[in-house]
């Protein structure tokens, strides 16, 4: 493992770059298992899945136990809105297996704003004594330039699957190299087959057609098409010397067009979601509720990685509430509360309080007429 002496710093650090990426870079035959995000997003299945997952994660609501932390999570940046910032962070997390943001802080150490960083802007290193990580960060702003030996407390670094104890993340795209290559080759084969296929609507057979030369056959074809157009979708009248057979899509061409379903299912599997997220089919035996629960479980796997990093760096409990995503209207939550009231677990006023706290009911909801009448009857009984 190489040791780097940082410029103008007395700190020595160890590189934690993935050894496999170095092997691919030095591969003499030019092959590599690396798939960059820009190339992957040209695949419609990858783009659709990344957009949906990142958007749904960004639709969640951060809940922090500190007011100042809550305000920072609700408005993390000065260059964009909160939803765009978090979707960009989560999209990079899903594409690269990790995402970065720099914490700009005031003189008192309080966060003022966060700046999204591309992976190419960040180089993480392990301190020589193994006590933590430091980062070299290259900023786009010329007046800032490069910051060396940035402590890990100043960085938001969310990781997914890791092969080095959680120091860095592994991109899910690394598992899709073969699938994306197969998809690319399948698309080229399909386009070639369609380009070379015959686009004629049918075949007009003329008995004793061998007596006709090429020019006469072309004229007969033109007259037949003109007859079809003039018939106004009516029946075509042919004599005994002619036979017309319409062409259909051949099975091998249709099979080529269905190759995308297989690669889409593989992409969905890598991200731990049902292929119904991509192609809208999925398991026909599952109900909508079952598919919704499975999707919520998939989102929670990513949410746990996000919760853990933010709670660690912000020194307090932070939770990404996915209820606004999986139940945007709140009807499922309301049905659950109603069933708890029916079973006697919650009283009516407790249920109303919970629904108000969740935002399902307005906070200034007036009391019901039944409650007022019940109070009047109680007063009369006391007299």
Protein backbone atom coordinates (compact mmCIF):
# COMPACT_ATOMS: atom_id res chain seq x y z
CA UNK A 1 0.00 0.00 0.00
CA UNK A 2 1.64 3.29 -1.09
CA UNK A 3 2.29 6.10 1.40
CA UNK A 4 1.68 9.69 0.31
CA UNK A 5 3.31 12.74 1.86
CA UNK A 6 0.81 15.55 1.49
CA UNK A 7 2.08 18.85 0.24
CA UNK A 8 2.73 21.45 2.96
CA UNK A 9 1.47 18.96 5.53
CA UNK A 10 3.30 16.90 8.12
CA UNK A 11 0.68 14.13 7.84
CA UNK A 12 1.39 10.86 6.06
CA UNK A 13 -1.54 8.95 4.61
CA UNK A 14 -2.17 5.61 2.96
CA UNK A 15 -4.02 5.26 -0.33
CA UNK A 16 -7.26 3.27 -0.13
CA UNK A 17 -7.86 3.04 -3.89
CA UNK A 18 -9.42 -0.18 -5.09
CA UNK A 19 -6.66 -2.55 -6.23
CA UNK A 20 -8.97 -4.06 -8.84
CA UNK A 21 -9.32 -0.70 -10.59
CA UNK A 22 -5.52 -0.47 -10.85
CA UNK A 23 -5.41 -3.95 -12.38
CA UNK A 24 -8.05 -2.99 -14.95
CA UNK A 25 -6.13 0.18 -15.78
CA UNK A 26 -2.96 -1.81 -16.39
CA UNK A 27 -4.73 -4.58 -18.34
CA UNK A 28 -2.80 -5.04 -21.57
CA UNK A 29 -5.77 -6.21 -23.66
CA UNK A 30 -7.74 -3.05 -22.91
CA UNK A 31 -10.67 -4.83 -21.26
CA UNK A 32 -12.10 -3.46 -18.04
CA UNK A 33 -14.95 -4.26 -15.68
CA UNK A 34 -15.49 -0.56 -14.97
CA UNK A 35 -18.71 1.07 -16.16
CA UNK A 36 -18.80 4.85 -15.82
CA UNK A 37 -22.00 6.57 -14.78
CA UNK A 38 -22.33 8.68 -17.94
CA UNK A 39 -22.30 5.57 -20.13
CA UNK A 40 -24.69 3.70 -17.84
CA UNK A 41 -27.24 6.53 -17.88
CA UNK A 42 -27.50 6.14 -21.66
CA UNK A 43 -29.21 2.83 -20.92
CA UNK A 44 -32.93 3.53 -20.52
CA UNK A 45 -33.40 0.88 -17.81
CA UNK A 46 -30.54 2.24 -15.69
CA UNK A 47 -31.74 5.82 -16.10
CA UNK A 48 -35.33 4.92 -15.22
CA UNK A 49 -34.31 2.97 -12.13
CA UNK A 50 -31.79 5.54 -10.85
CA UNK A 51 -34.25 8.39 -11.40
CA UNK A 52 -37.06 6.62 -9.58
CA UNK A 53 -34.97 5.42 -6.63
CA UNK A 54 -33.17 8.74 -6.13
CA UNK A 55 -36.39 10.70 -6.48
CA UNK A 56 -38.23 8.49 -4.00
CA UNK A 57 -35.39 8.74 -1.50
CA UNK A 58 -35.38 12.53 -1.91
CA UNK A 59 -39.16 12.56 -1.37
CA UNK A 60 -38.56 11.17 2.10
CA UNK A 61 -38.45 13.51 5.09
CA UNK A 62 -35.42 13.83 7.35
CA UNK A 63 -36.24 13.81 11.05
CA UNK A 64 -33.51 15.00 13.44
CA UNK A 65 -33.54 15.31 17.23
CA UNK A 66 -31.86 18.75 17.08
CA UNK A 67 -33.51 21.87 15.71
CA UNK A 68 -30.31 23.20 14.15
CA UNK A 69 -29.61 19.86 12.46
CA UNK A 70 -33.17 19.72 11.17
CA UNK A 71 -32.80 23.15 9.61
CA UNK A 72 -29.56 22.13 7.90
CA UNK A 73 -31.08 18.96 6.46
CA UNK A 74 -34.11 20.88 5.19
CA UNK A 75 -31.93 23.57 3.51
CA UNK A 76 -28.48 22.09 2.91
CA UNK A 77 -27.24 24.25 0.03
CA UNK A 78 -27.32 27.79 -1.29
CA UNK A 79 -27.00 26.86 -4.97
CA UNK A 80 -30.12 24.71 -5.34
CA UNK A 81 -33.28 23.58 -3.60
CA UNK A 82 -33.23 20.80 -1.03
CA UNK A 83 -34.93 18.18 -3.21
CA UNK A 84 -32.53 18.69 -6.13
CA UNK A 85 -29.52 18.54 -3.80
CA UNK A 86 -30.57 15.31 -2.09
CA UNK A 87 -31.64 13.66 -5.34
CA UNK A 88 -28.24 14.46 -6.82
CA UNK A 89 -26.54 13.00 -3.74
CA UNK A 90 -28.66 9.85 -3.80
CA UNK A 91 -28.28 9.39 -7.57
CA UNK A 92 -24.50 9.49 -7.20
CA UNK A 93 -24.76 7.09 -4.27
CA UNK A 94 -26.69 4.61 -6.42
CA UNK A 95 -24.38 5.00 -9.41
CA UNK A 96 -21.01 5.06 -7.68
CA UNK A 97 -21.70 3.32 -4.39
CA UNK A 98 -20.71 6.47 -2.49
CA UNK A 99 -21.36 10.22 -2.54
CA UNK A 100 -19.66 13.25 -1.04
CA UNK A 101 -20.51 16.71 0.29
CA UNK A 102 -18.25 19.26 1.94
CA UNK A 103 -19.49 20.93 5.13
CA UNK A 104 -18.82 24.67 5.04
CA UNK A 105 -18.84 25.93 8.63
CA UNK A 106 -18.52 29.28 10.37
CA UNK A 107 -15.94 30.26 12.98
CA UNK A 108 -17.97 28.57 15.70
CA UNK A 109 -17.98 25.25 13.84
CA UNK A 110 -21.67 25.49 12.94
CA UNK A 111 -22.72 24.31 9.48
CA UNK A 112 -23.62 27.15 7.14
CA UNK A 113 -24.12 25.17 3.92
CA UNK A 114 -23.04 21.96 2.21
CA UNK A 115 -21.44 21.66 -1.22
CA UNK A 116 -22.03 18.61 -3.41
CA UNK A 117 -18.81 17.05 -4.69
CA UNK A 118 -18.32 14.73 -7.63
CA UNK A 119 -16.28 11.59 -6.93
CA UNK A 120 -13.59 12.89 -9.30
CA UNK A 121 -13.12 15.87 -6.96
CA UNK A 122 -12.40 13.74 -3.89
CA UNK A 123 -9.45 11.50 -3.01
CA UNK A 124 -9.78 9.70 0.35
CA UNK A 125 -6.76 8.50 2.33
CA UNK A 126 -6.26 6.51 5.51
CA UNK A 127 -4.13 8.11 8.21
CA UNK A 128 -0.87 6.26 8.73
CA UNK A 129 -1.81 5.33 12.30
CA UNK A 130 -5.24 4.12 11.13
CA UNK A 131 -7.10 6.57 13.37
CA UNK A 132 -9.31 7.98 10.60
CA UNK A 133 -9.63 9.24 7.07
CA UNK A 134 -8.57 12.46 5.41
CA UNK A 135 -9.54 13.80 2.00
CA UNK A 136 -7.95 15.83 -0.75
CA UNK A 137 -10.72 17.91 -2.33
CA UNK A 138 -10.54 19.84 -5.59
CA UNK A 139 -13.18 22.57 -5.74
CA UNK A 140 -14.57 24.05 -8.95
CA UNK A 141 -14.20 27.58 -7.58
CA UNK A 142 -10.81 28.97 -8.68
CA UNK A 143 -10.43 31.06 -5.52
CA UNK A 144 -10.67 27.90 -3.39
CA UNK A 145 -8.71 25.43 -5.49
CA UNK A 146 -7.47 22.35 -3.66
CA UNK A 147 -7.92 21.58 0.02
CA UNK A 148 -5.57 18.93 1.35
CA UNK A 149 -5.89 16.71 4.41
CA UNK A 150 -9.53 17.64 5.00
CA UNK A 151 -10.63 15.82 8.19
CA UNK A 152 -13.45 13.33 7.89
CA UNK A 153 -15.58 15.41 10.25
CA UNK A 154 -15.81 18.08 7.52
CA UNK A 155 -17.06 15.61 4.91
CA UNK A 156 -20.36 13.86 4.35
CA UNK A 157 -19.36 10.51 2.86
CA UNK A 158 -22.25 8.05 2.41
CA UNK A 159 -21.28 4.52 1.33
CA UNK A 160 -23.15 1.43 0.24
CA UNK A 161 -21.47 -1.98 0.00
CA UNK A 162 -17.79 -1.80 0.99
CA UNK A 163 -14.84 -4.16 0.60
CA UNK A 164 -12.49 -2.36 2.98
CA UNK A 165 -14.38 -2.05 6.23
CA UNK A 166 -16.63 0.82 5.21
CA UNK A 167 -13.90 3.26 4.14
CA UNK A 168 -15.17 3.46 0.55
CA UNK A 169 -18.15 2.10 -1.38
CA UNK A 170 -18.45 -0.27 -4.33
CA UNK A 171 -20.43 0.83 -7.36
CA UNK A 172 -23.40 -1.43 -8.23
CA UNK A 173 -22.54 -0.76 -11.87
CA UNK A 174 -19.49 -3.01 -11.49
CA UNK A 175 -21.88 -5.98 -11.36
CA UNK A 176 -23.60 -4.83 -14.56
CA UNK A 177 -20.62 -4.73 -16.91
CA UNK A 178 -21.54 -7.94 -18.70
CA UNK A 179 -25.27 -7.15 -18.78
CA UNK A 180 -24.72 -3.68 -20.26
CA UNK A 181 -22.32 -5.10 -22.86
CA UNK A 182 -24.90 -7.75 -23.77
CA UNK A 183 -27.59 -5.07 -23.99
CA UNK A 184 -25.39 -2.94 -26.24
CA UNK A 185 -24.62 -5.89 -28.52
CA UNK A 186 -28.29 -6.90 -28.56
CA UNK A 187 -29.33 -3.39 -29.56
CA UNK A 188 -26.82 -3.37 -32.42
CA UNK A 189 -28.03 -6.79 -33.58
CA UNK A 190 -31.67 -5.73 -33.40
CA UNK A 191 -31.05 -2.52 -35.34
CA UNK A 192 -29.10 -4.44 -37.96
CA UNK A 193 -31.85 -7.06 -38.29
CA UNK A 194 -34.53 -4.40 -38.65
CA UNK A 195 -32.48 -2.42 -41.15
CA UNK A 196 -31.90 -5.48 -43.31
CA UNK A 197 -35.41 -6.83 -43.03
CA UNK A 198 -37.97 -6.50 -45.82
CA UNK A 199 -40.45 -3.73 -45.04
CA UNK A 200 -42.97 -4.71 -47.74
CA UNK A 201 -46.57 -5.12 -46.44
CA UNK A 202 -47.04 -8.41 -48.31
CA UNK A 203 -46.30 -10.59 -51.35
CA UNK A 204 -48.36 -10.48 -54.55
CA UNK A 205 -47.94 -13.71 -56.48
CA UNK A 206 -48.73 -13.66 -60.19
CA UNK A 207 -49.21 -17.03 -61.87
CA UNK A 208 -46.80 -17.50 -64.75
CA UNK A 209 -44.93 -14.51 -63.33
CA UNK A 210 -41.76 -15.74 -64.95
CA UNK A 211 -43.02 -14.23 -68.18
CA UNK A 212 -42.94 -10.74 -66.61
CA UNK A 213 -39.75 -8.74 -66.53
CA UNK A 214 -38.63 -6.60 -63.57
CA UNK A 215 -40.20 -3.41 -64.93
CA UNK A 216 -43.57 -5.06 -65.48
CA UNK A 217 -43.53 -6.56 -61.99
CA UNK A 218 -42.81 -3.13 -60.47
CA UNK A 219 -45.71 -1.60 -62.42
CA UNK A 220 -48.07 -4.35 -61.28
CA UNK A 221 -47.01 -3.78 -57.68
CA UNK A 222 -47.66 -0.05 -58.03
CA UNK A 223 -51.13 -0.67 -59.55
CA UNK A 224 -51.98 -3.12 -56.76
CA UNK A 225 -51.01 -0.62 -54.03
CA UNK A 226 -53.04 2.04 -55.81
CA UNK A 227 -56.00 -0.35 -55.87
CA UNK A 228 -55.64 -0.98 -52.13
CA UNK A 229 -55.56 2.75 -51.44
CA UNK A 230 -58.61 3.41 -53.64
CA UNK A 231 -60.64 0.62 -52.01
CA UNK A 232 -60.87 2.60 -48.76
CA UNK A 233 -60.04 -0.41 -46.52
CA UNK A 234 -62.56 -2.48 -48.45
CA UNK A 235 -61.99 -5.97 -49.89
CA UNK A 236 -59.40 -6.41 -52.64
CA UNK A 237 -60.60 -8.15 -55.81
CA UNK A 238 -58.06 -10.46 -57.47
CA UNK A 239 -58.38 -12.78 -60.43
CA UNK A 240 -57.35 -16.43 -60.47
CA UNK A 241 -53.88 -15.58 -61.68
CA UNK A 242 -52.99 -13.50 -58.56
CA UNK A 243 -52.53 -14.35 -54.89
CA UNK A 244 -51.74 -11.82 -52.13
CA UNK A 245 -50.22 -12.82 -48.76
CA UNK A 246 -49.61 -10.16 -46.04
CA UNK A 247 -46.28 -10.36 -44.19
CA UNK A 248 -46.05 -10.72 -40.40
CA UNK A 249 -43.19 -9.98 -38.03
CA UNK A 250 -40.96 -13.01 -37.92
CA UNK A 251 -40.51 -14.73 -34.56
CA UNK A 252 -36.74 -14.22 -34.50
CA UNK A 253 -37.10 -10.44 -34.94
CA UNK A 254 -39.74 -10.28 -32.20
CA UNK A 255 -37.44 -12.31 -29.97
CA UNK A 256 -34.67 -9.81 -30.53
CA UNK A 257 -37.00 -7.00 -29.49
CA UNK A 258 -37.72 -8.84 -26.22
CA UNK A 259 -34.04 -9.13 -25.25
CA UNK A 260 -34.30 -5.85 -23.31
CA UNK A 261 -36.61 -7.49 -20.75
CA UNK A 262 -33.84 -9.83 -19.60
CA UNK A 263 -31.24 -7.09 -19.13
CA UNK A 264 -33.81 -4.90 -17.36
CA UNK A 265 -34.51 -7.68 -14.87
CA UNK A 266 -30.78 -8.09 -14.21
CA UNK A 267 -30.38 -4.35 -13.57
CA UNK A 268 -33.32 -4.36 -11.16
CA UNK A 269 -31.86 -7.38 -9.34
CA UNK A 270 -28.56 -5.59 -8.72
CA UNK A 271 -30.39 -2.74 -6.98
CA UNK A 272 -32.59 -5.13 -5.01
CA UNK A 273 -35.93 -4.06 -6.50
CA UNK A 274 -38.58 -5.87 -8.49
CA UNK A 275 -38.33 -5.65 -12.27
CA UNK A 276 -41.84 -4.17 -12.19
CA UNK A 277 -40.11 -0.89 -11.28
CA UNK A 278 -38.59 -0.90 -14.78
CA UNK A 279 -40.97 -2.73 -17.12
CA UNK A 280 -44.21 -2.54 -15.14
CA UNK A 281 -44.82 -6.30 -15.16
CA UNK A 282 -43.02 -8.07 -12.34
CA UNK A 283 -44.59 -10.97 -10.48
CA UNK A 284 -48.15 -11.40 -11.67
CA UNK A 285 -48.97 -13.37 -8.51
CA UNK A 286 -48.20 -10.44 -6.20
CA UNK A 287 -50.76 -7.86 -5.15
CA UNK A 288 -50.14 -4.13 -5.26
CA UNK A 289 -49.76 -4.09 -1.47
CA UNK A 290 -47.13 -6.83 -1.59
CA UNK A 291 -45.17 -5.05 -4.32
CA UNK A 292 -45.40 -1.80 -2.35
CA UNK A 293 -44.03 -3.49 0.77
CA UNK A 294 -41.17 -5.04 -1.18
CA UNK A 295 -40.29 -1.66 -2.70
CA UNK A 296 -40.37 -0.02 0.75
CA UNK A 297 -37.93 -2.67 2.02
CA UNK A 298 -35.65 -1.94 -0.92
CA UNK A 299 -35.66 1.78 -0.17
CA UNK A 300 -34.98 1.14 3.52
CA UNK A 301 -31.72 -0.64 2.64
CA UNK A 302 -30.41 2.56 1.09
CA UNK A 303 -31.97 4.73 3.82
CA UNK A 304 -30.06 2.89 6.57
CA UNK A 305 -26.73 3.82 4.97
CA UNK A 306 -27.87 7.44 4.78
CA UNK A 307 -29.14 7.51 8.38
CA UNK A 308 -25.92 6.04 9.73
CA UNK A 309 -23.61 8.55 8.04
CA UNK A 310 -25.65 11.62 8.90
CA UNK A 311 -26.19 10.53 12.51
CA UNK A 312 -22.47 9.94 12.91
CA UNK A 313 -21.29 13.21 11.39
CA UNK A 314 -24.02 15.40 12.92
CA UNK A 315 -23.63 13.82 16.39
CA UNK A 316 -27.30 13.13 16.85
CA UNK A 317 -30.05 10.84 15.69
CA UNK A 318 -31.13 11.41 12.08
CA UNK A 319 -33.72 9.28 10.34
CA UNK A 320 -34.98 9.38 6.76
CA UNK A 321 -38.73 8.86 7.05
CA UNK A 322 -39.88 7.04 3.92
CA UNK A 323 -43.58 7.24 4.75
CA UNK A 324 -44.17 10.25 2.42
CA UNK A 325 -42.68 8.13 -0.39
CA UNK A 326 -44.39 4.77 0.09
CA UNK A 327 -47.68 6.31 1.28
CA UNK A 328 -47.82 9.80 -0.28
CA UNK A 329 -51.52 10.39 0.47
CA UNK A 330 -51.35 8.88 3.95
CA UNK A 331 -54.38 6.67 3.38
CA UNK A 332 -52.58 3.46 4.37
CA UNK A 333 -51.36 5.08 7.58
CA UNK A 334 -54.86 6.35 8.34
CA UNK A 335 -56.32 2.87 7.77
CA UNK A 336 -53.78 1.43 10.19
CA UNK A 337 -54.71 3.98 12.87
CA UNK A 338 -58.40 3.30 12.28
CA UNK A 339 -57.86 -0.43 12.78
CA UNK A 340 -55.99 0.28 16.02
CA UNK A 341 -58.96 2.35 17.27
CA UNK A 342 -61.34 -0.42 16.29
CA UNK A 343 -59.30 -3.00 18.20
CA UNK A 344 -59.11 -0.75 21.26
CA UNK A 345 -55.37 -0.09 21.12
CA UNK A 346 -55.93 3.65 20.65
CA UNK A 347 -58.73 5.93 21.81
CA UNK A 348 -60.42 8.30 19.37
CA UNK A 349 -58.67 11.41 20.70
CA UNK A 350 -55.31 9.61 20.58
CA UNK A 351 -55.89 8.62 16.96
CA UNK A 352 -56.78 12.20 16.05
CA UNK A 353 -53.60 13.43 17.74
CA UNK A 354 -51.43 10.94 15.82
CA UNK A 355 -53.04 11.86 12.49
CA UNK A 356 -52.55 15.56 13.21
CA UNK A 357 -48.87 15.01 14.04
CA UNK A 358 -48.45 13.10 10.79
CA UNK A 359 -50.07 15.94 8.85
CA UNK A 360 -52.98 13.82 7.66
CA UNK A 361 -55.46 16.00 9.58
CA UNK A 362 -55.18 19.78 9.95
CA UNK A 363 -53.86 20.98 13.27
CA UNK A 364 -56.83 23.31 13.84
CA UNK A 365 -59.44 20.65 13.22
CA UNK A 366 -62.62 21.60 15.18
CA UNK A 367 -64.20 19.14 17.56
CA UNK A 368 -66.95 16.97 16.19
CA UNK A 369 -70.61 17.61 17.02
CA UNK A 370 -70.83 14.21 18.66
CA UNK A 371 -68.07 15.14 21.09
CA UNK A 372 -69.85 18.38 22.04
CA UNK A 373 -73.17 16.58 22.52
CA UNK A 374 -71.42 13.99 24.64
CA UNK A 375 -70.01 16.72 26.84
CA UNK A 376 -73.47 18.32 27.26
CA UNK A 377 -75.00 15.00 28.26
CA UNK A 378 -72.27 14.51 30.86
CA UNK A 379 -73.07 17.94 32.35
CA UNK A 380 -76.80 17.14 32.50
CA UNK A 381 -76.13 13.83 34.21
CA UNK A 382 -74.03 15.58 36.86
CA UNK A 383 -76.92 17.98 37.65
